[in-house]
């Protein structure tokens, strides 16, 4: 029996694919759960139109994310932190602090999307990676300095 998948199914196919499956698998699992629909001209056209809309939406999100990443490359963050004589911070610069500083610059970034190559626990220059929608990633330079006395 041929079906059009409405969702990705592990070991079977991706959304929008036409697959050939056993009648029992289709009748007892795929069709009742709404995972697939029978292949007809009307269903093919509907699924194709939905895939085109989804692709267009994903492309728009990706373009917006790439624009944000380009804008992020022009930004720079600076933090004043207390430290000892060797330059080791009492604490560290966290993803929450970076996300808050970026929000002040007009970026909509969640702290879960901020990551560091190494913990920022001493004075110096660092780079933070920020993930945007659809796998687009940008970087922002971070400077950590000792506060003026």
N, C-alpha and C. Protein backbone atom coordinates (compact mmCIF):
# COMPACT_ATOMS: atom_id res chain seq x y z
N UNK A 1 0.85 -1.17 0.00
CA UNK A 1 0.00 0.00 0.00
C UNK A 1 0.90 1.24 0.00
N UNK A 2 0.57 2.23 -0.82
CA UNK A 2 1.36 3.46 -0.89
C UNK A 2 0.70 4.55 -0.05
N UNK A 3 1.54 5.25 0.73
CA UNK A 3 1.08 6.33 1.60
C UNK A 3 2.00 7.53 1.48
N UNK A 4 1.47 8.70 1.82
CA UNK A 4 2.27 9.92 1.92
C UNK A 4 2.48 10.19 3.40
N UNK A 5 3.73 10.32 3.82
CA UNK A 5 4.03 10.56 5.23
C UNK A 5 3.77 12.02 5.59
N UNK A 6 3.07 12.24 6.68
CA UNK A 6 2.81 13.58 7.18
C UNK A 6 3.82 14.00 8.23
N UNK A 7 4.60 13.03 8.72
CA UNK A 7 5.64 13.28 9.71
C UNK A 7 6.84 12.41 9.36
N UNK A 8 8.00 12.74 9.92
CA UNK A 8 9.16 11.87 9.77
C UNK A 8 8.89 10.60 10.56
N UNK A 9 9.17 9.45 9.94
CA UNK A 9 9.01 8.17 10.62
C UNK A 9 10.35 7.46 10.55
N UNK A 10 10.88 7.13 11.71
CA UNK A 10 12.19 6.49 11.78
C UNK A 10 12.18 5.18 11.01
N UNK A 11 13.22 4.93 10.24
CA UNK A 11 13.41 3.73 9.43
C UNK A 11 12.38 3.58 8.32
N UNK A 12 11.63 4.66 8.01
CA UNK A 12 10.65 4.58 6.94
C UNK A 12 10.81 5.72 5.94
N UNK A 13 10.82 6.96 6.44
CA UNK A 13 10.99 8.08 5.52
C UNK A 13 10.74 9.41 6.19
N UNK A 14 10.95 10.47 5.39
CA UNK A 14 10.77 11.83 5.89
C UNK A 14 9.40 12.35 5.49
N UNK A 15 9.01 13.43 6.11
CA UNK A 15 7.73 14.07 5.85
C UNK A 15 7.60 14.40 4.36
N UNK A 16 6.45 14.05 3.77
CA UNK A 16 6.19 14.33 2.37
C UNK A 16 6.61 13.21 1.44
N UNK A 17 7.30 12.20 1.94
CA UNK A 17 7.77 11.10 1.09
C UNK A 17 6.62 10.13 0.82
N UNK A 18 6.64 9.55 -0.37
CA UNK A 18 5.68 8.50 -0.72
C UNK A 18 6.38 7.18 -0.46
N UNK A 19 5.77 6.36 0.42
CA UNK A 19 6.39 5.10 0.82
C UNK A 19 5.42 3.95 0.56
N UNK A 20 6.00 2.78 0.37
CA UNK A 20 5.21 1.57 0.17
C UNK A 20 5.35 0.73 1.44
N UNK A 21 4.23 0.43 2.08
CA UNK A 21 4.24 -0.32 3.34
C UNK A 21 3.21 -1.45 3.28
N UNK A 22 3.32 -2.36 4.22
CA UNK A 22 2.36 -3.45 4.32
C UNK A 22 0.99 -2.89 4.72
N UNK A 23 -0.07 -3.54 4.24
CA UNK A 23 -1.43 -3.06 4.54
C UNK A 23 -1.69 -3.01 6.05
N UNK A 24 -1.23 -4.02 6.76
CA UNK A 24 -1.47 -4.06 8.21
C UNK A 24 -0.78 -2.91 8.94
N UNK A 25 0.45 -2.60 8.55
CA UNK A 25 1.19 -1.49 9.15
C UNK A 25 0.48 -0.18 8.89
N UNK A 26 -0.02 -0.02 7.66
CA UNK A 26 -0.75 1.20 7.31
C UNK A 26 -2.06 1.28 8.09
N UNK A 27 -2.84 0.20 8.04
CA UNK A 27 -4.18 0.19 8.64
C UNK A 27 -4.15 0.25 10.17
N UNK A 28 -3.17 -0.40 10.78
CA UNK A 28 -3.15 -0.50 12.24
C UNK A 28 -2.28 0.54 12.94
N UNK A 29 -1.34 1.15 12.21
CA UNK A 29 -0.44 2.07 12.89
C UNK A 29 -0.42 3.46 12.24
N UNK A 30 -0.04 3.54 10.98
CA UNK A 30 0.19 4.84 10.35
C UNK A 30 -1.09 5.66 10.17
N UNK A 31 -2.12 5.04 9.61
CA UNK A 31 -3.36 5.80 9.35
C UNK A 31 -4.11 6.21 10.63
N UNK A 32 -4.29 5.33 11.61
CA UNK A 32 -5.02 5.76 12.82
C UNK A 32 -4.32 6.87 13.61
N UNK A 33 -3.00 6.90 13.56
CA UNK A 33 -2.25 7.91 14.31
C UNK A 33 -2.09 9.21 13.52
N UNK A 34 -2.56 9.25 12.30
CA UNK A 34 -2.47 10.46 11.49
C UNK A 34 -1.05 10.74 11.01
N UNK A 35 -0.23 9.71 10.93
CA UNK A 35 1.15 9.85 10.51
C UNK A 35 1.25 9.86 8.99
N UNK A 36 0.27 9.24 8.32
CA UNK A 36 0.30 9.13 6.87
C UNK A 36 -1.12 9.20 6.32
N UNK A 37 -1.21 9.48 5.02
CA UNK A 37 -2.49 9.49 4.32
C UNK A 37 -2.34 8.74 3.01
N UNK A 38 -3.45 8.20 2.46
CA UNK A 38 -3.35 7.47 1.19
C UNK A 38 -2.91 8.39 0.05
N UNK A 39 -2.26 7.80 -0.94
CA UNK A 39 -1.79 8.56 -2.10
C UNK A 39 -2.97 8.77 -3.05
N UNK A 40 -3.37 10.03 -3.20
CA UNK A 40 -4.35 10.44 -4.21
C UNK A 40 -3.83 11.73 -4.82
N UNK A 41 -4.38 12.12 -5.93
CA UNK A 41 -3.93 13.36 -6.58
C UNK A 41 -4.19 14.55 -5.67
N UNK A 42 -5.34 14.55 -5.01
CA UNK A 42 -5.68 15.67 -4.11
C UNK A 42 -4.72 15.72 -2.92
N UNK A 43 -4.43 14.57 -2.33
CA UNK A 43 -3.52 14.52 -1.18
C UNK A 43 -2.10 14.90 -1.58
N UNK A 44 -1.65 14.45 -2.77
CA UNK A 44 -0.33 14.83 -3.25
C UNK A 44 -0.21 16.35 -3.39
N UNK A 45 -1.23 16.96 -3.98
CA UNK A 45 -1.20 18.41 -4.18
C UNK A 45 -1.21 19.14 -2.84
N UNK A 46 -2.01 18.66 -1.89
CA UNK A 46 -2.09 19.31 -0.58
C UNK A 46 -0.76 19.20 0.17
N UNK A 47 -0.15 18.03 0.15
CA UNK A 47 1.13 17.83 0.85
C UNK A 47 2.22 18.64 0.17
N UNK A 48 2.24 18.68 -1.16
CA UNK A 48 3.25 19.46 -1.88
C UNK A 48 3.12 20.94 -1.55
N UNK A 49 1.88 21.45 -1.51
CA UNK A 49 1.66 22.86 -1.18
C UNK A 49 2.13 23.16 0.24
N UNK A 50 1.86 22.26 1.16
CA UNK A 50 2.29 22.45 2.55
C UNK A 50 3.81 22.43 2.66
N UNK A 51 4.47 21.53 1.93
CA UNK A 51 5.92 21.47 1.94
C UNK A 51 6.53 22.75 1.37
N UNK A 52 5.93 23.30 0.33
CA UNK A 52 6.42 24.56 -0.24
C UNK A 52 6.27 25.70 0.75
N UNK A 53 5.13 25.75 1.45
CA UNK A 53 4.92 26.80 2.47
C UNK A 53 5.93 26.66 3.60
N UNK A 54 6.17 25.43 4.03
CA UNK A 54 7.13 25.18 5.10
C UNK A 54 8.54 25.58 4.67
N UNK A 55 8.89 25.25 3.45
CA UNK A 55 10.21 25.60 2.94
C UNK A 55 10.38 27.11 2.86
N UNK A 56 9.35 27.80 2.38
CA UNK A 56 9.41 29.26 2.29
C UNK A 56 9.54 29.88 3.68
N UNK A 57 8.79 29.36 4.66
CA UNK A 57 8.86 29.86 6.03
C UNK A 57 10.24 29.64 6.61
N UNK A 58 10.82 28.44 6.38
CA UNK A 58 12.16 28.12 6.88
C UNK A 58 13.21 29.03 6.25
N UNK A 59 13.04 29.33 4.95
CA UNK A 59 13.98 30.23 4.27
C UNK A 59 13.92 31.64 4.84
N UNK A 60 12.70 32.12 5.13
CA UNK A 60 12.55 33.45 5.74
C UNK A 60 13.19 33.49 7.12
N UNK A 61 12.98 32.45 7.93
CA UNK A 61 13.60 32.39 9.26
C UNK A 61 15.12 32.36 9.15
N UNK A 62 15.64 31.60 8.20
CA UNK A 62 17.08 31.51 8.02
C UNK A 62 17.67 32.86 7.61
N UNK A 63 16.99 33.57 6.69
CA UNK A 63 17.47 34.89 6.26
C UNK A 63 17.50 35.86 7.43
N UNK A 64 16.44 35.84 8.25
CA UNK A 64 16.41 36.71 9.43
C UNK A 64 17.50 36.35 10.42
N UNK A 65 17.74 35.06 10.61
CA UNK A 65 18.79 34.62 11.52
C UNK A 65 20.17 35.01 11.00
N UNK A 66 20.38 34.91 9.70
CA UNK A 66 21.67 35.30 9.13
C UNK A 66 21.89 36.80 9.27
N UNK A 67 20.83 37.59 9.13
CA UNK A 67 20.95 39.04 9.32
C UNK A 67 21.30 39.36 10.77
N UNK A 68 20.68 38.65 11.71
CA UNK A 68 20.99 38.85 13.13
C UNK A 68 22.44 38.46 13.43
N UNK A 69 22.90 37.36 12.84
CA UNK A 69 24.28 36.91 13.06
C UNK A 69 25.27 37.95 12.50
N UNK A 70 24.95 38.53 11.36
CA UNK A 70 25.82 39.57 10.79
C UNK A 70 25.85 40.80 11.67
N UNK A 71 24.68 41.16 12.21
CA UNK A 71 24.61 42.32 13.12
C UNK A 71 25.36 42.02 14.42
N UNK A 72 25.30 40.77 14.86
CA UNK A 72 25.98 40.37 16.09
C UNK A 72 27.50 40.47 15.93
N UNK A 73 28.01 40.19 14.75
CA UNK A 73 29.45 40.25 14.51
C UNK A 73 29.99 41.66 14.71
N UNK A 74 29.13 42.67 14.56
CA UNK A 74 29.55 44.06 14.74
C UNK A 74 29.47 44.50 16.20
N UNK A 75 28.83 43.72 17.04
CA UNK A 75 28.68 44.07 18.46
C UNK A 75 29.89 43.60 19.25
N UNK A 76 30.06 44.18 20.43
CA UNK A 76 31.12 43.76 21.36
C UNK A 76 30.61 43.96 22.77
N UNK A 77 30.93 43.05 23.65
CA UNK A 77 30.51 43.14 25.04
C UNK A 77 31.71 43.33 25.94
N UNK A 78 31.49 44.06 27.03
CA UNK A 78 32.54 44.28 28.01
C UNK A 78 31.93 44.13 29.40
N UNK A 79 32.62 43.40 30.26
CA UNK A 79 32.15 43.18 31.62
C UNK A 79 33.25 43.59 32.59
N UNK A 80 32.87 44.29 33.65
CA UNK A 80 33.78 44.60 34.74
C UNK A 80 33.50 43.61 35.86
N UNK A 81 34.53 42.87 36.25
CA UNK A 81 34.38 41.85 37.28
C UNK A 81 35.50 41.96 38.30
N UNK A 82 35.16 41.70 39.54
CA UNK A 82 36.17 41.68 40.60
C UNK A 82 37.06 40.45 40.42
N UNK A 83 38.35 40.63 40.70
CA UNK A 83 39.29 39.51 40.54
C UNK A 83 40.42 39.64 41.56
N UNK A 84 41.22 38.57 41.67
CA UNK A 84 42.38 38.62 42.56
C UNK A 84 43.58 39.18 41.80
N UNK A 85 44.78 39.16 42.44
CA UNK A 85 45.97 39.74 41.81
C UNK A 85 46.39 39.01 40.54
N UNK A 86 46.09 37.72 40.43
CA UNK A 86 46.47 36.95 39.24
C UNK A 86 45.48 37.14 38.09
N UNK A 87 44.41 37.86 38.31
CA UNK A 87 43.41 38.10 37.28
C UNK A 87 42.31 37.05 37.22
N UNK A 88 42.24 36.19 38.22
CA UNK A 88 41.18 35.18 38.26
C UNK A 88 39.92 35.80 38.87
N UNK A 89 38.81 35.61 38.21
CA UNK A 89 37.55 36.22 38.67
C UNK A 89 37.00 35.51 39.89
N UNK A 90 36.26 36.27 40.69
CA UNK A 90 35.49 35.70 41.79
C UNK A 90 34.15 35.32 41.18
N UNK A 91 34.06 34.13 40.62
CA UNK A 91 32.89 33.71 39.87
C UNK A 91 33.28 33.62 38.40
N UNK A 92 32.33 33.84 37.51
CA UNK A 92 32.63 33.81 36.08
C UNK A 92 31.57 34.60 35.33
N UNK A 93 31.82 34.84 34.06
CA UNK A 93 30.82 35.46 33.20
C UNK A 93 29.92 34.33 32.71
N UNK A 94 28.62 34.47 32.90
CA UNK A 94 27.70 33.40 32.58
C UNK A 94 26.93 33.69 31.29
N UNK A 95 26.28 32.66 30.78
CA UNK A 95 25.45 32.80 29.59
C UNK A 95 24.29 33.75 29.86
N UNK A 96 23.78 33.76 31.08
CA UNK A 96 22.69 34.68 31.44
C UNK A 96 23.15 36.13 31.33
N UNK A 97 24.36 36.42 31.81
CA UNK A 97 24.88 37.79 31.72
C UNK A 97 25.08 38.20 30.27
N UNK A 98 25.57 37.29 29.44
CA UNK A 98 25.77 37.60 28.02
C UNK A 98 24.43 37.83 27.34
N UNK A 99 23.44 36.98 27.61
CA UNK A 99 22.11 37.14 27.01
C UNK A 99 21.47 38.45 27.45
N UNK A 100 21.64 38.84 28.70
CA UNK A 100 21.09 40.11 29.20
C UNK A 100 21.78 41.29 28.53
N UNK A 101 23.09 41.22 28.38
CA UNK A 101 23.83 42.30 27.72
C UNK A 101 23.43 42.41 26.25
N UNK A 102 23.21 41.27 25.60
CA UNK A 102 22.78 41.30 24.20
C UNK A 102 21.36 41.84 24.07
N UNK A 103 20.51 41.53 25.04
CA UNK A 103 19.15 42.07 25.03
C UNK A 103 19.17 43.59 25.13
N UNK A 104 20.11 44.13 25.90
CA UNK A 104 20.25 45.58 26.02
C UNK A 104 20.68 46.20 24.69
N UNK A 105 21.34 45.41 23.83
CA UNK A 105 21.76 45.89 22.52
C UNK A 105 20.69 45.65 21.44
N UNK A 106 19.58 45.03 21.84
CA UNK A 106 18.48 44.81 20.90
C UNK A 106 18.40 43.43 20.29
N UNK A 107 19.14 42.47 20.82
CA UNK A 107 19.10 41.10 20.32
C UNK A 107 18.14 40.28 21.16
N UNK A 108 17.38 39.40 20.53
CA UNK A 108 16.47 38.51 21.24
C UNK A 108 17.14 37.14 21.33
N UNK A 109 17.90 36.92 22.41
CA UNK A 109 18.69 35.70 22.57
C UNK A 109 18.35 35.06 23.90
N UNK A 110 18.12 33.77 23.88
CA UNK A 110 17.88 33.01 25.11
C UNK A 110 19.22 32.53 25.65
N UNK A 111 19.35 32.45 26.96
CA UNK A 111 20.62 32.05 27.56
C UNK A 111 21.02 30.63 27.15
N UNK A 112 20.06 29.79 26.78
CA UNK A 112 20.37 28.42 26.35
C UNK A 112 21.10 28.41 25.01
N UNK A 113 20.99 29.50 24.26
CA UNK A 113 21.62 29.57 22.95
C UNK A 113 22.98 30.23 22.97
N UNK A 114 23.50 30.52 24.18
CA UNK A 114 24.82 31.13 24.33
C UNK A 114 25.78 30.07 24.85
N UNK A 115 26.93 29.93 24.20
CA UNK A 115 27.92 28.95 24.67
C UNK A 115 29.32 29.53 24.54
N UNK A 116 30.23 28.96 25.31
CA UNK A 116 31.62 29.42 25.35
C UNK A 116 32.54 28.25 25.01
N UNK A 117 33.70 28.55 24.42
CA UNK A 117 34.69 27.51 24.17
C UNK A 117 35.31 27.05 25.48
N UNK A 118 35.48 27.99 26.40
CA UNK A 118 36.04 27.69 27.72
C UNK A 118 35.34 28.61 28.72
N UNK A 119 35.27 28.22 29.98
CA UNK A 119 34.64 29.09 30.97
C UNK A 119 35.38 30.42 31.07
N UNK A 120 34.64 31.49 31.20
CA UNK A 120 35.25 32.81 31.32
C UNK A 120 35.45 33.07 32.81
N UNK A 121 36.65 32.73 33.30
CA UNK A 121 36.91 32.84 34.72
C UNK A 121 38.15 33.67 35.03
N UNK A 122 38.63 34.43 34.04
CA UNK A 122 39.77 35.32 34.30
C UNK A 122 39.68 36.53 33.37
N UNK A 123 40.49 37.51 33.64
CA UNK A 123 40.52 38.75 32.86
C UNK A 123 41.04 38.45 31.45
N UNK A 124 40.45 39.08 30.44
CA UNK A 124 40.97 38.90 29.08
C UNK A 124 39.91 39.03 28.01
N UNK A 125 40.27 38.58 26.81
CA UNK A 125 39.39 38.62 25.65
C UNK A 125 38.87 37.20 25.37
N UNK A 126 37.58 37.10 25.08
CA UNK A 126 36.94 35.81 24.84
C UNK A 126 35.95 35.94 23.69
N UNK A 127 35.43 34.82 23.27
CA UNK A 127 34.41 34.79 22.24
C UNK A 127 33.26 33.90 22.70
N UNK A 128 32.05 34.38 22.50
CA UNK A 128 30.87 33.58 22.81
C UNK A 128 30.16 33.25 21.51
N UNK A 129 29.67 32.02 21.41
CA UNK A 129 28.88 31.61 20.25
C UNK A 129 27.40 31.74 20.61
N UNK A 130 26.62 32.28 19.66
CA UNK A 130 25.19 32.45 19.86
C UNK A 130 24.48 31.73 18.71
N UNK A 131 23.59 30.79 19.07
CA UNK A 131 22.81 30.07 18.06
C UNK A 131 21.51 30.81 17.80
N UNK A 132 21.21 30.98 16.53
CA UNK A 132 19.95 31.57 16.11
C UNK A 132 19.11 30.47 15.47
N UNK A 133 18.00 30.83 14.88
CA UNK A 133 17.09 29.87 14.28
C UNK A 133 17.74 29.11 13.13
N UNK A 134 17.30 27.87 12.95
CA UNK A 134 17.67 27.04 11.80
C UNK A 134 19.17 26.80 11.67
N UNK A 135 19.86 26.65 12.81
CA UNK A 135 21.27 26.29 12.78
C UNK A 135 22.25 27.40 12.47
N UNK A 136 21.79 28.63 12.37
CA UNK A 136 22.68 29.76 12.10
C UNK A 136 23.36 30.14 13.42
N UNK A 137 24.68 30.32 13.35
CA UNK A 137 25.44 30.64 14.55
C UNK A 137 26.28 31.90 14.31
N UNK A 138 26.34 32.76 15.31
CA UNK A 138 27.16 33.95 15.25
C UNK A 138 28.08 34.01 16.45
N UNK A 139 29.07 34.88 16.39
CA UNK A 139 29.99 35.03 17.51
C UNK A 139 30.02 36.49 17.94
N UNK A 140 30.29 36.68 19.21
CA UNK A 140 30.43 38.04 19.76
C UNK A 140 31.68 38.08 20.63
N UNK A 141 32.52 39.09 20.43
CA UNK A 141 33.72 39.21 21.29
C UNK A 141 33.35 39.74 22.67
N UNK A 142 33.99 39.21 23.67
CA UNK A 142 33.75 39.62 25.06
C UNK A 142 35.07 40.02 25.68
N UNK A 143 35.06 41.17 26.34
CA UNK A 143 36.22 41.65 27.07
C UNK A 143 35.87 41.68 28.55
N UNK A 144 36.71 41.09 29.37
CA UNK A 144 36.52 41.11 30.82
C UNK A 144 37.67 41.93 31.41
N UNK A 145 37.29 42.97 32.15
CA UNK A 145 38.29 43.86 32.74
C UNK A 145 38.05 43.98 34.23
N UNK A 146 39.10 44.44 34.90
CA UNK A 146 39.05 44.72 36.33
C UNK A 146 38.40 46.09 36.52
N UNK A 147 37.49 46.26 37.48
CA UNK A 147 36.88 47.57 37.69
C UNK A 147 37.91 48.60 38.18
N UNK A 148 37.73 49.84 37.76
CA UNK A 148 38.60 50.92 38.21
C UNK A 148 38.39 51.14 39.70
N UNK A 149 39.44 51.33 40.42
CA UNK A 149 39.36 51.51 41.88
C UNK A 149 38.95 52.90 42.27
